[in-house]
Amino acid sequence: MVIDGTTWNTVAGYVSVTDFVNGQFYQKTVFIYEPDYTFPTDMKIGFRCDASNNKDKVYIDEVKVSAK
């Protein structure tokens, strides 16, 4: 997710079994294009799970952020 100053926008979504299988390592590249959003000077990037009440756990590592 990325915030455009006031609103959080979903940039990418992944569905268990459809897009990944638990217990395996995946490498994903997601591009956030500046023309698609109005970035504030303190732009924020967020990660979240489905936010249901079944106590899912999400493990995210090796996150790399770069800008051009």
N, C-alpha and C. Protein backbone atom coordinates (compact mmCIF):
# COMPACT_ATOMS: atom_id res chain seq x y z
N MET A 1 0.85 -1.17 0.00
CA MET A 1 0.00 0.00 0.00
C MET A 1 0.89 1.23 0.00
N VAL A 2 0.39 2.27 -0.58
CA VAL A 2 1.11 3.55 -0.61
C VAL A 2 0.09 4.65 -0.32
N ILE A 3 0.52 5.64 0.42
CA ILE A 3 -0.39 6.74 0.75
C ILE A 3 -0.09 7.91 -0.19
N ASP A 4 -1.15 8.50 -0.71
CA ASP A 4 -0.98 9.62 -1.65
C ASP A 4 -1.22 10.97 -0.98
N GLY A 5 -1.01 11.02 0.31
CA GLY A 5 -1.24 12.25 1.04
C GLY A 5 -2.40 12.12 2.00
N THR A 6 -3.50 11.47 1.55
CA THR A 6 -4.66 11.30 2.42
C THR A 6 -5.23 9.88 2.40
N THR A 7 -5.06 9.18 1.31
CA THR A 7 -5.70 7.88 1.13
C THR A 7 -4.66 6.79 0.89
N TRP A 8 -4.84 5.64 1.58
CA TRP A 8 -4.00 4.47 1.32
C TRP A 8 -4.51 3.78 0.07
N ASN A 9 -3.62 3.44 -0.84
CA ASN A 9 -3.97 2.78 -2.09
C ASN A 9 -3.27 1.43 -2.17
N THR A 10 -4.00 0.40 -2.55
CA THR A 10 -3.40 -0.92 -2.74
C THR A 10 -2.64 -0.94 -4.05
N VAL A 11 -1.37 -1.31 -3.97
CA VAL A 11 -0.51 -1.35 -5.15
C VAL A 11 -0.44 -2.77 -5.70
N ALA A 12 -0.43 -3.77 -4.82
CA ALA A 12 -0.37 -5.17 -5.23
C ALA A 12 -1.11 -6.01 -4.20
N GLY A 13 -1.68 -7.10 -4.64
CA GLY A 13 -2.36 -8.03 -3.75
C GLY A 13 -2.04 -9.46 -4.14
N TYR A 14 -1.97 -10.32 -3.15
CA TYR A 14 -1.64 -11.72 -3.40
C TYR A 14 -2.61 -12.60 -2.63
N VAL A 15 -3.06 -13.69 -3.26
CA VAL A 15 -4.04 -14.60 -2.68
C VAL A 15 -3.38 -15.95 -2.43
N SER A 16 -3.53 -16.45 -1.20
CA SER A 16 -2.97 -17.75 -0.85
C SER A 16 -3.46 -18.83 -1.80
N VAL A 17 -2.60 -19.72 -2.18
CA VAL A 17 -2.80 -20.84 -3.10
C VAL A 17 -2.86 -20.36 -4.55
N THR A 18 -3.49 -19.25 -4.82
CA THR A 18 -3.54 -18.71 -6.17
C THR A 18 -2.20 -18.09 -6.56
N ASP A 19 -1.65 -17.24 -5.67
CA ASP A 19 -0.42 -16.51 -5.97
C ASP A 19 0.81 -17.04 -5.22
N PHE A 20 0.60 -17.80 -4.16
CA PHE A 20 1.72 -18.33 -3.39
C PHE A 20 1.24 -19.52 -2.55
N VAL A 21 2.22 -20.29 -2.08
CA VAL A 21 1.96 -21.41 -1.19
C VAL A 21 2.77 -21.16 0.07
N ASN A 22 2.15 -21.30 1.23
CA ASN A 22 2.86 -21.06 2.49
C ASN A 22 4.07 -21.98 2.61
N GLY A 23 5.11 -21.47 3.26
CA GLY A 23 6.31 -22.26 3.50
C GLY A 23 7.34 -22.18 2.41
N GLN A 24 7.10 -21.37 1.39
CA GLN A 24 8.06 -21.21 0.31
C GLN A 24 8.49 -19.74 0.22
N PHE A 25 9.70 -19.51 -0.27
CA PHE A 25 10.21 -18.16 -0.44
C PHE A 25 9.88 -17.68 -1.85
N TYR A 26 9.40 -16.46 -1.96
CA TYR A 26 9.07 -15.87 -3.25
C TYR A 26 9.76 -14.54 -3.39
N GLN A 27 10.09 -14.19 -4.59
CA GLN A 27 10.64 -12.88 -4.88
C GLN A 27 9.65 -12.15 -5.78
N LYS A 28 9.20 -11.01 -5.34
CA LYS A 28 8.24 -10.21 -6.11
C LYS A 28 8.82 -8.82 -6.31
N THR A 29 8.58 -8.25 -7.46
CA THR A 29 8.96 -6.87 -7.74
C THR A 29 7.69 -6.09 -8.01
N VAL A 30 7.52 -4.99 -7.31
CA VAL A 30 6.34 -4.14 -7.48
C VAL A 30 6.84 -2.73 -7.77
N PHE A 31 6.37 -2.15 -8.85
CA PHE A 31 6.74 -0.80 -9.22
C PHE A 31 5.62 0.15 -8.82
N ILE A 32 6.00 1.27 -8.25
CA ILE A 32 5.04 2.33 -7.89
C ILE A 32 5.41 3.52 -8.76
N TYR A 33 4.57 3.82 -9.72
CA TYR A 33 4.87 4.88 -10.69
C TYR A 33 4.36 6.23 -10.18
N GLU A 34 5.26 7.21 -10.16
CA GLU A 34 4.92 8.53 -9.65
C GLU A 34 3.71 9.16 -10.33
N PRO A 35 3.53 9.04 -11.65
CA PRO A 35 2.36 9.68 -12.27
C PRO A 35 1.02 9.11 -11.77
N ASP A 36 1.03 7.92 -11.18
CA ASP A 36 -0.21 7.29 -10.72
C ASP A 36 -0.67 7.80 -9.36
N TYR A 37 0.19 8.50 -8.62
CA TYR A 37 -0.12 8.94 -7.26
C TYR A 37 0.38 10.35 -7.04
N THR A 38 -0.23 11.04 -6.09
CA THR A 38 0.25 12.34 -5.66
C THR A 38 1.00 12.10 -4.36
N PHE A 39 2.32 12.00 -4.45
CA PHE A 39 3.12 11.68 -3.27
C PHE A 39 3.38 12.91 -2.41
N PRO A 40 3.15 12.79 -1.10
CA PRO A 40 3.56 13.88 -0.20
C PRO A 40 5.07 13.79 0.01
N THR A 41 5.66 14.78 0.64
CA THR A 41 7.10 14.76 0.88
C THR A 41 7.49 13.64 1.84
N ASP A 42 6.57 13.18 2.66
CA ASP A 42 6.86 12.08 3.59
C ASP A 42 6.09 10.81 3.18
N MET A 43 6.24 10.42 1.93
CA MET A 43 5.55 9.25 1.39
C MET A 43 5.74 8.03 2.29
N LYS A 44 4.71 7.21 2.42
CA LYS A 44 4.77 6.02 3.25
C LYS A 44 4.37 4.79 2.44
N ILE A 45 5.01 3.67 2.74
CA ILE A 45 4.68 2.39 2.13
C ILE A 45 4.28 1.45 3.26
N GLY A 46 3.21 0.69 3.08
CA GLY A 46 2.75 -0.23 4.13
C GLY A 46 2.49 -1.62 3.60
N PHE A 47 2.51 -2.59 4.50
CA PHE A 47 2.22 -3.99 4.19
C PHE A 47 1.14 -4.46 5.16
N ARG A 48 0.23 -5.31 4.69
CA ARG A 48 -0.78 -5.83 5.61
C ARG A 48 -1.28 -7.18 5.13
N CYS A 49 -1.83 -7.95 6.07
CA CYS A 49 -2.49 -9.21 5.71
C CYS A 49 -3.96 -8.90 5.50
N ASP A 50 -4.79 -9.91 5.39
CA ASP A 50 -6.20 -9.67 5.07
C ASP A 50 -7.00 -9.03 6.20
N ALA A 51 -6.41 -8.90 7.38
CA ALA A 51 -7.02 -8.21 8.52
C ALA A 51 -8.29 -8.88 9.02
N SER A 52 -8.44 -10.18 8.75
CA SER A 52 -9.57 -10.91 9.32
C SER A 52 -9.24 -11.27 10.76
N ASN A 53 -10.14 -11.94 11.43
CA ASN A 53 -9.92 -12.27 12.84
C ASN A 53 -9.44 -13.71 13.04
N ASN A 54 -8.85 -14.35 12.02
CA ASN A 54 -8.39 -15.72 12.17
C ASN A 54 -6.89 -15.82 12.47
N LYS A 55 -6.30 -14.71 12.91
CA LYS A 55 -4.92 -14.65 13.39
C LYS A 55 -3.89 -15.10 12.36
N ASP A 56 -4.08 -14.71 11.10
CA ASP A 56 -3.08 -14.98 10.06
C ASP A 56 -1.77 -14.29 10.44
N LYS A 57 -0.67 -14.89 10.03
CA LYS A 57 0.63 -14.27 10.22
C LYS A 57 1.25 -14.03 8.86
N VAL A 58 1.90 -12.89 8.71
CA VAL A 58 2.57 -12.55 7.47
C VAL A 58 4.04 -12.29 7.80
N TYR A 59 4.92 -12.96 7.08
CA TYR A 59 6.36 -12.76 7.26
C TYR A 59 6.91 -12.11 6.00
N ILE A 60 7.48 -10.94 6.17
CA ILE A 60 8.03 -10.20 5.03
C ILE A 60 9.49 -9.90 5.37
N ASP A 61 10.38 -10.27 4.46
CA ASP A 61 11.79 -9.96 4.69
C ASP A 61 12.44 -9.59 3.37
N GLU A 62 13.64 -9.12 3.48
CA GLU A 62 14.44 -8.69 2.33
C GLU A 62 13.71 -7.67 1.47
N VAL A 63 13.10 -6.68 2.11
CA VAL A 63 12.42 -5.61 1.39
C VAL A 63 13.46 -4.59 0.94
N LYS A 64 13.41 -4.26 -0.33
CA LYS A 64 14.32 -3.26 -0.89
C LYS A 64 13.48 -2.16 -1.53
N VAL A 65 13.79 -0.92 -1.19
CA VAL A 65 13.09 0.21 -1.77
C VAL A 65 14.13 1.07 -2.47
N SER A 66 13.87 1.41 -3.72
CA SER A 66 14.77 2.30 -4.46
C SER A 66 13.95 3.29 -5.25
N ALA A 67 14.54 4.40 -5.55
CA ALA A 67 13.85 5.44 -6.30
C ALA A 67 14.75 5.94 -7.43
N LYS A 68 14.10 6.36 -8.48
CA LYS A 68 14.83 6.92 -9.63
C LYS A 68 14.33 8.31 -9.88
